[in-house]
C-alpha atoms as a PDB file:
ATOM      1  CA  MET A   1      53.155 -45.397 -86.144  1.00  0.00           C
ATOM      2  CA  GLY A   2      51.112 -46.020 -82.995  1.00  0.00           C
ATOM      3  CA  ASN A   3      50.489 -48.889 -80.527  1.00  0.00           C
ATOM      4  CA  VAL A   4      46.819 -49.614 -79.853  1.00  0.00           C
ATOM      5  CA  ILE A   5      45.063 -51.328 -76.914  1.00  0.00           C
ATOM      6  CA  ALA A   6      41.853 -52.772 -78.307  1.00  0.00           C
ATOM      7  CA  PRO A   7      40.039 -55.255 -75.995  1.00  0.00           C
ATOM      8  CA  GLU A   8      36.891 -56.647 -77.583  1.00  0.00           C
ATOM      9  CA  GLU A   9      34.693 -55.006 -74.976  1.00  0.00           C
ATOM     10  CA  LEU A  10      36.141 -51.525 -75.634  1.00  0.00           C
ATOM     11  CA  LYS A  11      34.989 -49.084 -78.287  1.00  0.00           C
ATOM     12  CA  THR A  12      37.597 -46.474 -77.330  1.00  0.00           C
ATOM     13  CA  GLU A  13      41.239 -47.285 -78.018  1.00  0.00           C
ATOM     14  CA  LEU A  14      44.408 -45.839 -76.463  1.00  0.00           C
ATOM     15  CA  VAL A  15      46.578 -44.399 -79.247  1.00  0.00           C
ATOM     16  CA  VAL A  16      50.186 -43.342 -78.614  1.00  0.00           C
ATOM     17  CA  LEU A  17      52.242 -41.804 -81.440  1.00  0.00           C
ATOM     18  CA  ASN A  18      55.927 -42.729 -81.834  1.00  0.00           C
ATOM     19  CA  ASP A  19      56.817 -39.857 -84.242  1.00  0.00           C
ATOM     20  CA  ASN A  20      59.576 -37.827 -82.540  1.00  0.00           C
ATOM     21  CA  GLU A  21      58.788 -34.739 -84.626  1.00  0.00           C
ATOM     22  CA  LEU A  22      55.302 -34.352 -83.129  1.00  0.00           C
ATOM     23  CA  ASN A  23      54.616 -31.718 -80.507  1.00  0.00           C
ATOM     24  CA  MET A  24      54.051 -32.953 -76.935  1.00  0.00           C
ATOM     25  CA  SER A  25      50.385 -31.998 -77.182  1.00  0.00           C
ATOM     26  CA  GLU A  26      50.079 -34.447 -80.057  1.00  0.00           C
ATOM     27  CA  LEU A  27      51.706 -37.326 -78.102  1.00  0.00           C
ATOM     28  CA  GLY A  28      48.505 -39.338 -77.734  1.00  0.00           C
ATOM     29  CA  ASN A  29      44.865 -39.473 -76.612  1.00  0.00           C
ATOM     30  CA  PHE A  30      45.666 -40.052 -72.927  1.00  0.00           C
ATOM     31  CA  GLU A  31      42.909 -37.824 -71.580  1.00  0.00           C
ATOM     32  CA  GLU A  32      40.270 -39.347 -73.844  1.00  0.00           C
ATOM     33  CA  TYR A  33      41.312 -42.883 -72.933  1.00  0.00           C
ATOM     34  CA  LYS A  34      41.528 -42.054 -69.238  1.00  0.00           C
ATOM     35  CA  ALA A  35      38.003 -40.610 -69.349  1.00  0.00           C
ATOM     36  CA  PHE A  36      36.797 -43.839 -70.938  1.00  0.00           C
ATOM     37  CA  ILE A  37      38.490 -45.944 -68.244  1.00  0.00           C
ATOM     38  CA  GLN A  38      37.062 -43.699 -65.535  1.00  0.00           C
ATOM     39  CA  LYS A  39      33.592 -44.236 -66.938  1.00  0.00           C
ATOM     40  CA  LYS A  40      34.040 -48.014 -66.815  1.00  0.00           C
ATOM     41  CA  VAL A  41      35.359 -47.792 -63.260  1.00  0.00           C
ATOM     42  CA  ASP A  42      32.368 -45.706 -62.186  1.00  0.00           C
ATOM     43  CA  GLU A  43      30.048 -48.349 -63.599  1.00  0.00           C
ATOM     44  CA  VAL A  44      31.519 -51.092 -61.360  1.00  0.00           C
ATOM     45  CA  LYS A  45      32.243 -49.085 -58.213  1.00  0.00           C
ATOM     46  CA  GLY A  46      29.024 -50.032 -56.509  1.00  0.00           C
ATOM     47  CA  ILE A  47      29.124 -53.686 -57.460  1.00  0.00           C
ATOM     48  CA  LYS A  48      28.425 -56.216 -54.686  1.00  0.00           C
ATOM     49  CA  LEU A  49      29.460 -59.806 -55.140  1.00  0.00           C
ATOM     50  CA  THR A  50      26.817 -62.503 -54.720  1.00  0.00           C
ATOM     51  CA  ASP A  51      26.506 -66.167 -55.649  1.00  0.00           C
ATOM     52  CA  THR A  52      24.440 -65.217 -58.700  1.00  0.00           C
ATOM     53  CA  ASN A  53      26.726 -62.552 -60.204  1.00  0.00           C
ATOM     54  CA  LEU A  54      30.075 -64.197 -59.469  1.00  0.00           C
ATOM     55  CA  PRO A  55      30.792 -64.981 -63.175  1.00  0.00           C
ATOM     56  CA  GLU A  56      29.957 -61.374 -64.138  1.00  0.00           C
ATOM     57  CA  VAL A  57      32.275 -59.963 -61.469  1.00  0.00           C
ATOM     58  CA  LYS A  58      35.073 -62.263 -62.539  1.00  0.00           C
ATOM     59  CA  ALA A  59      34.582 -61.128 -66.148  1.00  0.00           C
ATOM     60  CA  VAL A  60      34.912 -57.491 -65.069  1.00  0.00           C
ATOM     61  CA  LYS A  61      38.014 -58.425 -63.105  1.00  0.00           C
ATOM     62  CA  SER A  62      39.454 -60.084 -66.216  1.00  0.00           C
ATOM     63  CA  LEU A  63      38.722 -56.969 -68.279  1.00  0.00           C
ATOM     64  CA  ILE A  64      40.439 -54.674 -65.778  1.00  0.00           C
ATOM     65  CA  VAL A  65      43.486 -56.945 -65.638  1.00  0.00           C
ATOM     66  CA  SER A  66      43.581 -56.855 -69.450  1.00  0.00           C
ATOM     67  CA  LEU A  67      43.475 -53.035 -69.387  1.00  0.00           C
ATOM     68  CA  ARG A  68      46.336 -52.900 -66.944  1.00  0.00           C
ATOM     69  CA  THR A  69      48.432 -55.448 -68.837  1.00  0.00           C
ATOM     70  CA  ASN A  70      47.972 -53.820 -72.229  1.00  0.00           C
ATOM     71  CA  THR A  71      48.501 -50.269 -70.946  1.00  0.00           C
ATOM     72  CA  THR A  72      51.743 -51.332 -69.260  1.00  0.00           C
ATOM     73  CA  LYS A  73      52.907 -53.032 -72.439  1.00  0.00           C
ATOM     74  CA  ILE A  74      52.237 -49.914 -74.544  1.00  0.00           C
ATOM     75  CA  GLN A  75      54.066 -47.862 -71.919  1.00  0.00           C
ATOM     76  CA  LYS A  76      57.173 -50.034 -72.132  1.00  0.00           C
ATOM     77  CA  ASP A  77      57.093 -50.203 -75.929  1.00  0.00           C
ATOM     78  CA  TRP A  78      56.762 -46.425 -76.257  1.00  0.00           C
ATOM     79  CA  ILE A  79      59.568 -45.747 -73.769  1.00  0.00           C
ATOM     80  CA  ALA A  80      61.873 -47.921 -75.845  1.00  0.00           C
ATOM     81  CA  PHE A  81      61.419 -45.626 -78.871  1.00  0.00           C
ATOM     82  CA  ASN A  82      61.232 -42.132 -77.382  1.00  0.00           C
ATOM     83  CA  ILE A  83      63.608 -39.664 -75.779  1.00  0.00           C
ATOM     84  CA  ASN A  84      63.585 -38.985 -72.030  1.00  0.00           C
ATOM     85  CA  SER A  85      61.617 -35.735 -72.174  1.00  0.00           C
ATOM     86  CA  ARG A  86      58.747 -37.322 -74.007  1.00  0.00           C
ATOM     87  CA  LYS A  87      59.133 -40.461 -71.847  1.00  0.00           C
ATOM     88  CA  ASN A  88      58.541 -38.498 -68.655  1.00  0.00           C
ATOM     89  CA  ILE A  89      55.402 -36.892 -70.032  1.00  0.00           C
ATOM     90  CA  ALA A  90      54.119 -40.211 -71.314  1.00  0.00           C
ATOM     91  CA  ASN A  91      54.952 -41.992 -68.052  1.00  0.00           C
ATOM     92  CA  ALA A  92      52.886 -39.512 -66.089  1.00  0.00           C
ATOM     93  CA  SER A  93      49.967 -40.066 -68.438  1.00  0.00           C
ATOM     94  CA  PHE A  94      50.320 -43.833 -68.310  1.00  0.00           C
ATOM     95  CA  GLU A  95      50.504 -43.809 -64.511  1.00  0.00           C
ATOM     96  CA  SER A  96      47.405 -41.651 -64.359  1.00  0.00           C
ATOM     97  CA  ILE A  97      45.489 -44.243 -66.378  1.00  0.00           C
ATOM     98  CA  LEU A  98      46.965 -47.146 -64.406  1.00  0.00           C
ATOM     99  CA  SER A  99      45.998 -45.556 -61.094  1.00  0.00           C
ATOM    100  CA  VAL A 100      42.352 -45.495 -62.193  1.00  0.00           C
ATOM    101  CA  ILE A 101      42.608 -49.123 -63.290  1.00  0.00           C
ATOM    102  CA  ALA A 102      44.301 -50.076 -59.969  1.00  0.00           C
ATOM    103  CA  GLU A 103      41.501 -48.424 -58.006  1.00  0.00           C
ATOM    104  CA  SER A 104      38.875 -50.461 -59.804  1.00  0.00           C
ATOM    105  CA  GLU A 105      40.955 -53.634 -59.599  1.00  0.00           C
ATOM    106  CA  LYS A 106      41.358 -53.180 -55.845  1.00  0.00           C
ATOM    107  CA  GLN A 107      37.629 -52.773 -55.371  1.00  0.00           C
ATOM    108  CA  ILE A 108      36.918 -55.989 -57.255  1.00  0.00           C
ATOM    109  CA  ASP A 109      39.702 -57.793 -55.337  1.00  0.00           C
ATOM    110  CA  ASP A 110      38.244 -56.612 -52.029  1.00  0.00           C
ATOM    111  CA  GLU A 111      34.860 -58.026 -52.999  1.00  0.00           C
ATOM    112  CA  LEU A 112      36.389 -61.311 -54.136  1.00  0.00           C
ATOM    113  CA  ASN A 113      38.425 -61.602 -50.929  1.00  0.00           C
ATOM    114  CA  LYS A 114      35.375 -60.806 -48.801  1.00  0.00           C
ATOM    115  CA  TYR A 115      33.363 -63.424 -50.655  1.00  0.00           C
ATOM    116  CA  GLU A 116      36.137 -66.009 -50.203  1.00  0.00           C
ATOM    117  CA  GLU A 117      36.476 -65.248 -46.488  1.00  0.00           C
ATOM    118  CA  GLU A 118      32.728 -65.665 -45.985  1.00  0.00           C
ATOM    119  CA  ARG A 119      32.788 -68.930 -47.936  1.00  0.00           C
ATOM    120  CA  LYS A 120      35.667 -70.285 -45.831  1.00  0.00           C
ATOM    121  CA  ALA A 121      34.029 -69.142 -42.592  1.00  0.00           C
ATOM    122  CA  GLY A 122      30.926 -71.130 -43.507  1.00  0.00           C
ATOM    123  CA  LEU A 123      32.989 -74.199 -44.331  1.00  0.00           C
ATOM    124  CA  LEU A 124      34.993 -73.846 -41.112  1.00  0.00           C
ATOM    125  CA  TYR A 125      31.799 -73.859 -39.061  1.00  0.00           C
ATOM    126  CA  MET A 126      30.648 -76.975 -40.907  1.00  0.00           C
ATOM    127  CA  PHE A 127      33.989 -78.759 -40.350  1.00  0.00           C
ATOM    128  CA  GLU A 128      33.968 -77.888 -36.632  1.00  0.00           C
ATOM    129  CA  THR A 129      30.434 -79.306 -36.452  1.00  0.00           C
ATOM    130  CA  TYR A 130      31.675 -82.555 -38.035  1.00  0.00           C
ATOM    131  CA  ILE A 131      34.415 -82.767 -35.394  1.00  0.00           C
ATOM    132  CA  ALA A 132      31.998 -82.126 -32.511  1.00  0.00           C
ATOM    133  CA  GLU A 133      29.596 -84.781 -33.823  1.00  0.00           C
ATOM    134  CA  GLN A 134      32.357 -87.365 -34.245  1.00  0.00           C
ATOM    135  CA  ASN A 135      33.677 -86.716 -30.750  1.00  0.00           C
ATOM    136  CA  GLU A 136      30.274 -87.641 -29.367  1.00  0.00           C
ATOM    137  CA  ILE A 137      31.138 -91.120 -30.658  1.00  0.00           C
ATOM    138  CA  PHE A 138      34.890 -91.347 -30.016  1.00  0.00           C
ATOM    139  CA  LYS A 139      34.969 -89.424 -26.679  1.00  0.00           C
ATOM    140  CA  LEU A 140      38.454 -87.923 -27.076  1.00  0.00           C
ATOM    141  CA  ASP A 141      39.706 -85.725 -24.248  1.00  0.00           C
ATOM    142  CA  GLU A 142      40.564 -82.074 -24.898  1.00  0.00           C
ATOM    143  CA  LYS A 143      44.265 -82.726 -25.473  1.00  0.00           C
ATOM    144  CA  ASN A 144      43.690 -85.416 -28.101  1.00  0.00           C
ATOM    145  CA  LEU A 145      40.759 -83.563 -29.670  1.00  0.00           C
ATOM    146  CA  GLU A 146      43.169 -80.738 -30.500  1.00  0.00           C
ATOM    147  CA  ARG A 147      45.097 -83.226 -32.660  1.00  0.00           C
ATOM    148  CA  ILE A 148      42.220 -83.351 -35.162  1.00  0.00           C
ATOM    149  CA  GLU A 149      43.406 -81.170 -38.044  1.00  0.00           C
ATOM    150  CA  ILE A 150      41.252 -79.011 -40.313  1.00  0.00           C
ATOM    151  CA  LYS A 151      43.442 -79.243 -43.406  1.00  0.00           C
ATOM    152  CA  SER A 152      43.893 -76.372 -45.867  1.00  0.00           C
ATOM    153  CA  ASN A 153      42.736 -78.486 -48.822  1.00  0.00           C
ATOM    154  CA  TYR A 154      39.328 -78.867 -47.144  1.00  0.00           C
ATOM    155  CA  PHE A 155      38.577 -75.333 -48.366  1.00  0.00           C
ATOM    156  CA  ASN A 156      39.307 -76.043 -52.047  1.00  0.00           C
ATOM    157  CA  VAL A 157      36.333 -75.305 -54.285  1.00  0.00           C
ATOM    158  CA  THR A 158      36.632 -78.747 -55.857  1.00  0.00           C
ATOM    159  CA  LYS A 159      36.768 -80.565 -52.487  1.00  0.00           C
ATOM    160  CA  LYS A 160      33.665 -82.635 -51.745  1.00  0.00           C
ATOM    161  CA  GLU A 161      32.046 -82.416 -48.306  1.00  0.00           C
ATOM    162  CA  ALA A 162      31.814 -86.208 -48.078  1.00  0.00           C
ATOM    163  CA  ASP A 163      35.570 -86.514 -48.613  1.00  0.00           C
ATOM    164  CA  VAL A 164      36.227 -83.981 -45.854  1.00  0.00           C
ATOM    165  CA  PHE A 165      33.887 -85.808 -43.471  1.00  0.00           C
ATOM    166  CA  ASN A 166      35.568 -89.147 -44.212  1.00  0.00           C
ATOM    167  CA  ASP A 167      39.036 -87.676 -43.696  1.00  0.00           C
ATOM    168  CA  ILE A 168      38.056 -86.161 -40.338  1.00  0.00           C
ATOM    169  CA  THR A 169      36.569 -89.512 -39.304  1.00  0.00           C
ATOM    170  CA  SER A 170      39.772 -91.329 -40.309  1.00  0.00           C
ATOM    171  CA  GLN A 171      41.736 -88.974 -38.034  1.00  0.00           C
ATOM    172  CA  PHE A 172      39.455 -89.913 -35.116  1.00  0.00           C
ATOM    173  CA  VAL A 173      39.856 -93.619 -35.880  1.00  0.00           C
ATOM    174  CA  ALA A 174      43.661 -93.377 -36.006  1.00  0.00           C
ATOM    175  CA  ILE A 175      43.910 -91.471 -32.708  1.00  0.00           C
ATOM    176  CA  LYS A 176      41.431 -93.804 -30.957  1.00  0.00           C
ATOM    177  CA  LYS A 177      43.401 -96.849 -32.145  1.00  0.00           C
ATOM    178  CA  GLU A 178      46.628 -95.301 -30.874  1.00  0.00           C
ATOM    179  CA  LEU A 179      45.068 -94.562 -27.468  1.00  0.00           C
ATOM    180  CA  ASP A 180      43.598 -98.074 -27.173  1.00  0.00           C
ATOM    181  CA  GLU A 181      46.952 -99.654 -28.002  1.00  0.00           C
ATOM    182  CA  LYS A 182      48.653 -97.428 -25.446  1.00  0.00           C
ATOM    183  CA  ALA A 183      46.088 -98.368 -22.781  1.00  0.00           C
ATOM    184  CA  GLU A 184      46.616-102.070 -23.526  1.00  0.00           C
ATOM    185  CA  ALA A 185      50.379-101.589 -23.329  1.00  0.00           C
ATOM    186  CA  GLU A 186      50.082 -99.787 -19.977  1.00  0.00           C
ATOM    187  CA  THR A 187      47.917-102.599 -18.596  1.00  0.00           C
ATOM    188  CA  ALA A 188      50.421-105.212 -19.778  1.00  0.00           C
ATOM    189  CA  ILE A 189      53.310-103.283 -18.212  1.00  0.00           C
ATOM    190  CA  LYS A 190      51.510-102.937 -14.876  1.00  0.00           C
ATOM    191  CA  LYS A 191      50.685-106.637 -14.883  1.00  0.00           C
ATOM    192  CA  GLU A 192      54.272-107.586 -15.709  1.00  0.00           C
ATOM    193  CA  CYS A 193      55.601-105.379 -12.883  1.00  0.00           C
ATOM    194  CA  GLU A 194      53.006-106.666 -10.408  1.00  0.00           C
ATOM    195  CA  GLY A 195      54.508-108.518  -7.433  1.00  0.00           C
ATOM    196  CA  SER A 196      57.986-107.134  -8.094  1.00  0.00           C
ATOM    197  CA  THR A 197      59.955-104.156  -6.862  1.00  0.00           C
ATOM    198  CA  LEU A 198      59.866-102.561 -10.333  1.00  0.00           C
ATOM    199  CA  ASN A 199      58.077 -99.213 -10.803  1.00  0.00           C
ATOM    200  CA  ALA A 200      55.533 -99.608 -13.629  1.00  0.00           C
ATOM    201  CA  ASP A 201      55.258 -95.827 -14.155  1.00  0.00           C
ATOM    202  CA  VAL A 202      58.909 -95.646 -15.195  1.00  0.00           C
ATOM    203  CA  TYR A 203      58.334 -98.185 -17.961  1.00  0.00           C
ATOM    204  CA  ILE A 204      55.033 -96.574 -19.042  1.00  0.00           C
ATOM    205  CA  GLU A 205      56.937 -93.350 -19.690  1.00  0.00           C
ATOM    206  CA  MET A 206      59.139 -95.300 -22.122  1.00  0.00           C
ATOM    207  CA  LEU A 207      56.139 -95.807 -24.435  1.00  0.00           C
ATOM    208  CA  SER A 208      56.880 -92.376 -25.912  1.00  0.00           C
ATOM    209  CA  PHE A 209      60.060 -93.698 -27.540  1.00  0.00           C
ATOM    210  CA  LYS A 210      60.007 -97.526 -27.339  1.00  0.00           C
ATOM    211  CA  THR A 211      57.633-100.255 -28.505  1.00  0.00           C
ATOM    212  CA  PRO A 212      55.504-102.137 -25.941  1.00  0.00           C
ATOM    213  CA  LEU A 213      57.167-105.467 -26.833  1.00  0.00           C
ATOM    214  CA  SER A 214      60.667-104.115 -26.227  1.00  0.00           C
ATOM    215  CA  ILE A 215      59.573-102.628 -22.885  1.00  0.00           C
ATOM    216  CA  LEU A 216      57.955-105.892 -21.731  1.00  0.00           C
ATOM    217  CA  SER A 217      61.118-107.754 -22.713  1.00  0.00           C
ATOM    218  CA  GLN A 218      63.184-105.275 -20.720  1.00  0.00           C
ATOM    219  CA  ILE A 219      60.936-105.747 -17.677  1.00  0.00           C
ATOM    220  CA  LYS A 220      61.307-109.547 -17.840  1.00  0.00           C
ATOM    221  CA  GLU A 221      65.068-109.264 -18.093  1.00  0.00           C
ATOM    222  CA  GLU A 222      65.154-106.906 -15.120  1.00  0.00           C
ATOM    223  CA  LYS A 223      62.930-109.208 -13.056  1.00  0.00           C
ATOM    224  CA  GLU A 224      65.220-112.153 -13.840  1.00  0.00           C
ATOM    225  CA  ARG A 225      68.246-110.092 -12.832  1.00  0.00           C
ATOM    226  CA  VAL A 226      66.603-109.049  -9.555  1.00  0.00           C
ATOM    227  CA  ALA A 227      65.547-112.654  -8.915  1.00  0.00           C
ATOM    228  CA  ARG A 228      69.119-113.850  -9.424  1.00  0.00           C
ATOM    229  CA  LEU A 229      70.380-111.243  -6.991  1.00  0.00           C
ATOM    230  CA  GLU A 230      67.717-112.264  -4.483  1.00  0.00           C
ATOM    231  CA  GLU A 231      68.618-115.950  -4.855  1.00  0.00           C
ATOM    232  CA  GLU A 232      72.261-115.127  -4.358  1.00  0.00           C
ATOM    233  CA  LYS A 233      71.379-113.068  -1.325  1.00  0.00           C
ATOM    234  CA  ILE A 234      69.265-115.902   0.154  1.00  0.00           C
ATOM    235  CA  ALA A 235      71.928-118.502  -0.602  1.00  0.00           C
ATOM    236  CA  LYS A 236      74.521-116.359   1.097  1.00  0.00           C
ATOM    237  CA  ALA A 237      72.271-115.893   4.126  1.00  0.00           C
ATOM    238  CA  VAL A 238      71.607-119.655   4.332  1.00  0.00           C
ATOM    239  CA  ALA A 239      75.310-120.420   4.069  1.00  0.00           C
ATOM    240  CA  GLU A 240      76.076-117.915   6.805  1.00  0.00           C
ATOM    241  CA  LYS A 241      73.332-119.406   8.996  1.00  0.00           C
ATOM    242  CA  GLU A 242      74.579-122.958   8.443  1.00  0.00           C
ATOM    243  CA  ALA A 243      78.095-121.882   9.286  1.00  0.00           C
ATOM    244  CA  GLU A 244      76.770-120.221  12.424  1.00  0.00           C
ATOM    245  CA  ILE A 245      74.892-123.387  13.456  1.00  0.00           C
ATOM    246  CA  GLU A 246      77.892-125.553  12.693  1.00  0.00           C
ATOM    247  CA  LYS A 247      80.062-123.308  14.793  1.00  0.00           C
ATOM    248  CA  GLU A 248      77.555-123.451  17.624  1.00  0.00           C
ATOM    249  CA  VAL A 249      77.404-127.258  17.469  1.00  0.00           C
ATOM    250  CA  VAL A 250      81.187-127.529  17.565  1.00  0.00           C
ATOM    251  CA  GLU A 251      81.369-125.106  20.442  1.00  0.00           C
ATOM    252  CA  ARG A 252      78.686-126.964  22.413  1.00  0.00           C
ATOM    253  CA  LEU A 253      80.365-130.297  21.754  1.00  0.00           C
ATOM    254  CA  THR A 254      83.727-129.026  22.902  1.00  0.00           C
ATOM    255  CA  GLU A 255      82.413-127.611  26.163  1.00  0.00           C
ATOM    256  CA  LYS A 256      82.794-130.938  27.998  1.00  0.00           C
ATOM    257  CA  GLU A 257      86.548-131.330  27.697  1.00  0.00           C
ATOM    258  CA  ASN A 258      86.718-133.229  30.999  1.00  0.00           C
ATOM    259  CA  VAL A 259      84.868-136.239  29.478  1.00  0.00           C
ATOM    260  CA  ILE A 260      87.496-138.658  28.216  1.00  0.00           C
ATOM    261  CA  GLU A 261      85.582-141.790  27.283  1.00  0.00           C
ATOM    262  CA  PRO A 262      84.387-142.005  23.679  1.00  0.00           C
ATOM    263  CA  GLU A 263      81.488-144.263  24.515  1.00  0.00           C
ATOM    264  CA  PHE A 264      78.960-143.787  21.736  1.00  0.00           C
ATOM    265  CA  ASN A 265      76.881-146.688  23.092  1.00  0.00           C
ATOM    266  CA  ALA A 266      76.463-145.158  26.519  1.00  0.00           C
ATOM    267  CA  VAL A 267      72.854-144.038  26.219  1.00  0.00           C
ATOM    268  CA  GLU A 268      71.179-142.696  29.335  1.00  0.00           C
ATOM    269  CA  GLU A 269      68.010-141.569  27.600  1.00  0.00           C
ATOM    270  CA  PHE A 270      66.287-143.082  24.607  1.00  0.00           C
ATOM    271  CA  GLU A 271      63.150-141.678  23.050  1.00  0.00           C
ATOM    272  CA  GLU A 272      61.867-142.752  19.692  1.00  0.00           C
ATOM    273  CA  GLU A 273      59.036-141.155  17.767  1.00  0.00           C
ATOM    274  CA  VAL A 274      57.933-142.654  14.449  1.00  0.00           C
ATOM    275  CA  VAL A 275      56.565-140.416  11.699  1.00  0.00           C
ATOM    276  CA  VAL A 276      54.917-142.306   8.856  1.00  0.00           C
ATOM    277  CA  ASP A 277      56.173-141.365   5.385  1.00  0.00           C
ATOM    278  CA  GLU A 278      55.100-143.098   2.195  1.00  0.00           C
ATOM    279  CA  VAL A 279      58.709-143.212   0.965  1.00  0.00           C
ATOM    280  CA  ASP A 280      60.625-143.803   4.175  1.00  0.00           C
ATOM    281  CA  LYS A 281      60.178-143.671   7.934  1.00  0.00           C
ATOM    282  CA  THR A 282      61.579-140.685   9.766  1.00  0.00           C
ATOM    283  CA  LYS A 283      62.688-141.331  13.344  1.00  0.00           C
ATOM    284  CA  ILE A 284      63.579-138.952  16.132  1.00  0.00           C
ATOM    285  CA  LEU A 285      66.216-140.271  18.559  1.00  0.00           C
ATOM    286  CA  SER A 286      67.362-138.484  21.706  1.00  0.00           C
ATOM    287  CA  VAL A 287      70.808-139.630  22.892  1.00  0.00           C
ATOM    288  CA  LYS A 288      73.570-138.509  25.185  1.00  0.00           C
ATOM    289  CA  LEU A 289      77.063-138.694  23.717  1.00  0.00           C
ATOM    290  CA  THR A 290      80.298-139.132  25.654  1.00  0.00           C
ATOM    291  CA  TYR A 291      83.441-138.237  23.702  1.00  0.00           C
ATOM    292  CA  LYS A 292      86.830-136.595  23.829  1.00  0.00           C
ATOM    293  CA  ALA A 293      87.184-132.911  23.021  1.00  0.00           C
ATOM    294  CA  SER A 294      89.430-133.797  20.091  1.00  0.00           C
ATOM    295  CA  GLN A 295      86.602-135.884  18.587  1.00  0.00           C
ATOM    296  CA  ALA A 296      84.054-132.988  18.379  1.00  0.00           C
ATOM    297  CA  ARG A 297      84.932-132.130  14.770  1.00  0.00           C
ATOM    298  CA  MET A 298      84.715-135.770  13.710  1.00  0.00           C
ATOM    299  CA  ILE A 299      81.268-136.124  15.325  1.00  0.00           C
ATOM    300  CA  ASN A 300      79.973-132.978  13.614  1.00  0.00           C
ATOM    301  CA  ASP A 301      81.283-134.168  10.220  1.00  0.00           C
ATOM    302  CA  PHE A 302      79.611-137.537  10.715  1.00  0.00           C
ATOM    303  CA  PHE A 303      76.174-135.957  11.261  1.00  0.00           C
ATOM    304  CA  LYS A 304      76.610-133.512   8.403  1.00  0.00           C
ATOM    305  CA  ASN A 305      77.884-136.080   5.880  1.00  0.00           C
ATOM    306  CA  ASN A 306      75.029-138.442   6.655  1.00  0.00           C
ATOM    307  CA  ASN A 307      72.361-135.742   6.465  1.00  0.00           C
ATOM    308  CA  ILE A 308      71.347-136.245  10.082  1.00  0.00           C
ATOM    309  CA  LYS A 309      69.677-133.247  11.675  1.00  0.00           C
ATOM    310  CA  VAL A 310      71.110-132.449  15.100  1.00  0.00           C
ATOM    311  CA  ASP A 311      69.496-130.160  17.679  1.00  0.00           C
ATOM    312  CA  VAL A 312      71.700-129.340  20.657  1.00  0.00           C
ATOM    313  CA  LEU A 313      69.583-129.648  23.817  1.00  0.00           C
END
């Protein structure tokens, strides 16, 4: 009993006999079927794919695929029921037919691929035009313009041009928003660092991995820390200066060790200058003190404890 390939479009069928008692010459009608396939192949060899005959070309492609599929199936079925010697003969015949089918299939595939490449090239040009037009509005630099992606699904047959245009536009909007936010953050960082010893560029670099709010908070904390250090430094300097003045006053007061009379009322010179103050009157009094050397520390403490400014003349 034989296996038959019988596509609707074919009038000639491939018949392969499974009777082991038949002579090899009676194995099947390979040559007749191959001649039929060759004729079909010759009919489509010069075919050129266009927009108008695309359905026809696809139908031919479908037919050729059907020929290949059915021939391969018959080949496998026959091999399962026949001895090796007959299998080798049949395989050679099957392969001969399949090679003709493959040649035709390749030609159709080449045309389909060429058509698809031309279609995608046209779409690519259109998408690049969309990008160029949108950049006239958004003014992205070269580096950021390269971030606009032409996605693979843009080339799908079912994809609408309006959807592609809107998606490209949304990419521009997202990048422009990101750049504006970054510019605002950089301005805020520079302003926050202004008037301090902090380097704004260092904190701007942090925008690549930290949020603007966290960076501004860090800057404020650092400014407060620096301010505390500066206050401590100033306080230390003032304390050192006061100690230096105090030491100088004590030294100047102890220079006259030969004076033995502690006469605080012995004033040789008296000058008074009145400075009007809405809260109190400030007076400047020039006096000459006579005291013992041992009383110098007591005199200095008196002036200091009573908040009296003393200038040694």
